[in-house]
C-alpha atoms as a PDB file:
ATOM      1  CA  MET A   1      99.988  92.791 112.998  1.00  0.00           C
ATOM      2  CA  THR A   2      98.851  89.349 111.979  1.00  0.00           C
ATOM      3  CA  GLY A   3      96.750  89.275 108.736  1.00  0.00           C
ATOM      4  CA  LYS A   4      97.024  93.046 108.274  1.00  0.00           C
ATOM      5  CA  THR A   5      98.939  94.523 105.254  1.00  0.00           C
ATOM      6  CA  LEU A   6     101.707  96.733 106.391  1.00  0.00           C
ATOM      7  CA  THR A   7     101.200 100.411 105.207  1.00  0.00           C
ATOM      8  CA  ARG A   8     103.268 103.407 104.948  1.00  0.00           C
ATOM      9  CA  ALA A   9     101.252 104.683 107.742  1.00  0.00           C
ATOM     10  CA  ASP A  10     102.276 101.548 109.807  1.00  0.00           C
ATOM     11  CA  LEU A  11     105.995 102.302 109.051  1.00  0.00           C
ATOM     12  CA  ALA A  12     105.791 106.065 109.820  1.00  0.00           C
ATOM     13  CA  GLU A  13     104.052 105.165 113.250  1.00  0.00           C
ATOM     14  CA  ALA A  14     106.799 102.512 113.918  1.00  0.00           C
ATOM     15  CA  VAL A  15     109.455 105.340 113.447  1.00  0.00           C
ATOM     16  CA  PHE A  16     107.526 107.592 115.479  1.00  0.00           C
ATOM     17  CA  GLN A  17     107.351 105.278 118.331  1.00  0.00           C
ATOM     18  CA  LYS A  18     111.082 103.741 118.317  1.00  0.00           C
ATOM     19  CA  VAL A  19     112.956 106.913 117.177  1.00  0.00           C
ATOM     20  CA  GLY A  20     110.854 109.606 118.625  1.00  0.00           C
ATOM     21  CA  LEU A  21     110.795 111.772 115.395  1.00  0.00           C
ATOM     22  CA  PRO A  22     107.280 113.666 115.131  1.00  0.00           C
ATOM     23  CA  ARG A  23     104.697 112.084 113.127  1.00  0.00           C
ATOM     24  CA  ASN A  24     104.918 114.357 110.146  1.00  0.00           C
ATOM     25  CA  GLU A  25     108.851 113.842 109.940  1.00  0.00           C
ATOM     26  CA  SER A  26     108.602 110.064 110.425  1.00  0.00           C
ATOM     27  CA  ALA A  27     106.211 110.103 107.498  1.00  0.00           C
ATOM     28  CA  ASP A  28     108.469 112.289 105.504  1.00  0.00           C
ATOM     29  CA  LEU A  29     111.476 109.918 106.445  1.00  0.00           C
ATOM     30  CA  VAL A  30     109.376 106.810 105.157  1.00  0.00           C
ATOM     31  CA  GLU A  31     108.543 108.730 101.882  1.00  0.00           C
ATOM     32  CA  LEU A  32     112.030 109.608 101.429  1.00  0.00           C
ATOM     33  CA  VAL A  33     113.413 106.153 101.930  1.00  0.00           C
ATOM     34  CA  LEU A  34     110.782 104.587  99.435  1.00  0.00           C
ATOM     35  CA  LYS A  35     111.457 107.365  96.832  1.00  0.00           C
ATOM     36  CA  GLU A  36     114.987 106.547  96.838  1.00  0.00           C
ATOM     37  CA  ILE A  37     114.374 102.848  96.452  1.00  0.00           C
ATOM     38  CA  SER A  38     112.108 103.666  93.687  1.00  0.00           C
ATOM     39  CA  ARG A  39     114.587 106.019  91.880  1.00  0.00           C
ATOM     40  CA  SER A  40     117.482 103.383  92.346  1.00  0.00           C
ATOM     41  CA  LEU A  41     115.315 100.737  90.672  1.00  0.00           C
ATOM     42  CA  GLU A  42     114.108 103.006  87.771  1.00  0.00           C
ATOM     43  CA  ARG A  43     117.810 103.750  86.923  1.00  0.00           C
ATOM     44  CA  GLY A  44     118.315  99.887  86.761  1.00  0.00           C
ATOM     45  CA  SER A  45     120.473  99.813  89.830  1.00  0.00           C
ATOM     46  CA  PRO A  46     119.805  96.943  92.439  1.00  0.00           C
ATOM     47  CA  VAL A  47     118.995  97.934  95.855  1.00  0.00           C
ATOM     48  CA  LYS A  48     120.436  95.656  98.865  1.00  0.00           C
ATOM     49  CA  LEU A  49     119.181  95.991 102.321  1.00  0.00           C
ATOM     50  CA  SER A  50     121.319  94.103 104.856  1.00  0.00           C
ATOM     51  CA  SER A  51     119.419  91.384 106.657  1.00  0.00           C
ATOM     52  CA  PHE A  52     116.620  92.040 104.596  1.00  0.00           C
ATOM     53  CA  GLY A  53     116.929  91.472 100.948  1.00  0.00           C
ATOM     54  CA  SER A  54     117.493  92.742  97.547  1.00  0.00           C
ATOM     55  CA  PHE A  55     115.273  94.376  94.890  1.00  0.00           C
ATOM     56  CA  GLY A  56     116.090  94.381  91.395  1.00  0.00           C
ATOM     57  CA  ILE A  57     114.958  94.689  87.736  1.00  0.00           C
ATOM     58  CA  ARG A  58     114.541  91.707  85.304  1.00  0.00           C
ATOM     59  CA  GLU A  59     114.079  92.044  81.741  1.00  0.00           C
ATOM     60  CA  LYS A  60     111.520  89.843  80.021  1.00  0.00           C
ATOM     61  CA  ASN A  61     111.576  89.191  76.229  1.00  0.00           C
ATOM     62  CA  GLU A  62     108.525  89.357  74.153  1.00  0.00           C
ATOM     63  CA  ARG A  63     106.619  85.990  74.101  1.00  0.00           C
ATOM     64  CA  ILE A  64     103.538  84.405  73.164  1.00  0.00           C
ATOM     65  CA  GLY A  65     100.811  83.813  75.772  1.00  0.00           C
ATOM     66  CA  ARG A  66      97.423  82.399  75.653  1.00  0.00           C
ATOM     67  CA  ASN A  67      94.085  83.855  76.744  1.00  0.00           C
ATOM     68  CA  PRO A  68      92.675  81.434  79.320  1.00  0.00           C
ATOM     69  CA  LYS A  69      89.269  81.834  78.318  1.00  0.00           C
ATOM     70  CA  THR A  70      89.362  81.637  74.487  1.00  0.00           C
ATOM     71  CA  GLY A  71      92.738  79.736  74.046  1.00  0.00           C
ATOM     72  CA  GLU A  72      93.808  82.409  71.652  1.00  0.00           C
ATOM     73  CA  GLU A  73      97.440  83.276  71.415  1.00  0.00           C
ATOM     74  CA  VAL A  74      98.259  86.705  72.427  1.00  0.00           C
ATOM     75  CA  PRO A  75     101.605  88.454  72.191  1.00  0.00           C
ATOM     76  CA  ILE A  76     103.080  89.543  75.466  1.00  0.00           C
ATOM     77  CA  THR A  77     105.330  92.749  75.098  1.00  0.00           C
ATOM     78  CA  PRO A  78     108.778  92.896  76.395  1.00  0.00           C
ATOM     79  CA  ARG A  79     108.935  94.615  79.775  1.00  0.00           C
ATOM     80  CA  ARG A  80     111.098  95.110  83.046  1.00  0.00           C
ATOM     81  CA  VAL A  81     109.665  93.350  86.149  1.00  0.00           C
ATOM     82  CA  LEU A  82     110.443  94.057  89.740  1.00  0.00           C
ATOM     83  CA  VAL A  83     112.181  91.168  91.736  1.00  0.00           C
ATOM     84  CA  PHE A  84     112.681  90.813  95.339  1.00  0.00           C
ATOM     85  CA  ARG A  85     115.030  88.052  96.952  1.00  0.00           C
ATOM     86  CA  ALA A  86     114.828  87.683 100.620  1.00  0.00           C
ATOM     87  CA  SER A  87     118.276  87.385 102.474  1.00  0.00           C
ATOM     88  CA  ASN A  88     118.885  84.296 104.491  1.00  0.00           C
ATOM     89  CA  ILE A  89     118.763  86.020 107.636  1.00  0.00           C
ATOM     90  CA  MET A  90     115.073  87.215 106.825  1.00  0.00           C
ATOM     91  CA  LYS A  91     114.118  83.843 105.689  1.00  0.00           C
ATOM     92  CA  GLU A  92     115.328  82.325 108.910  1.00  0.00           C
ATOM     93  CA  ARG A  93     113.375  84.938 110.829  1.00  0.00           C
ATOM     94  CA  VAL A  94     109.922  84.245 109.012  1.00  0.00           C
ATOM     95  CA  ASN A  95     110.795  80.282 109.204  1.00  0.00           C
ATOM     96  CA  THR A  96     111.572  80.447 112.954  1.00  0.00           C
ATOM     97  CA  THR A  97     108.334  82.817 113.688  1.00  0.00           C
ATOM     98  CA  LEU A  98     106.216  80.267 111.795  1.00  0.00           C
ATOM     99  CA  THR A  99     107.704  77.387 113.648  1.00  0.00           C
ATOM    100  CA  LYS A 100     106.863  78.953 116.933  1.00  0.00           C
ATOM    101  CA  LYS A 101     103.243  79.610 115.648  1.00  0.00           C
ATOM    102  CA  ASN A 102     102.787  76.237 114.690  1.00  0.00           C
ATOM    103  CA  ALA A 103     104.122  74.808 118.099  1.00  0.00           C
ATOM    104  CA  ALA A 104     101.744  77.104 120.073  1.00  0.00           C
ATOM    105  CA  SER A 105      98.887  75.901 118.105  1.00  0.00           C
END
């Protein structure tokens, strides 16, 4: 999977391979989980996935930005942004994998 973006189809295929659900039910299950995460975030509720990380919403106030080409000051409207914080377990997994990769090179 190196260098490739993980897609919904990849997730559905993994459910199919590991759980044994039919492909269409695996795809439906992946969609259901992703929709529930989205709905929760839309309501402003954080989502915590044990051993993976947490998703949340952060409010950003209006501020003045600058157009990099012209240098003109432009107001940036207030908005809500999605934030993700990886769990310590996930960070450790990623760092261990990177360490093993670098040692093999």
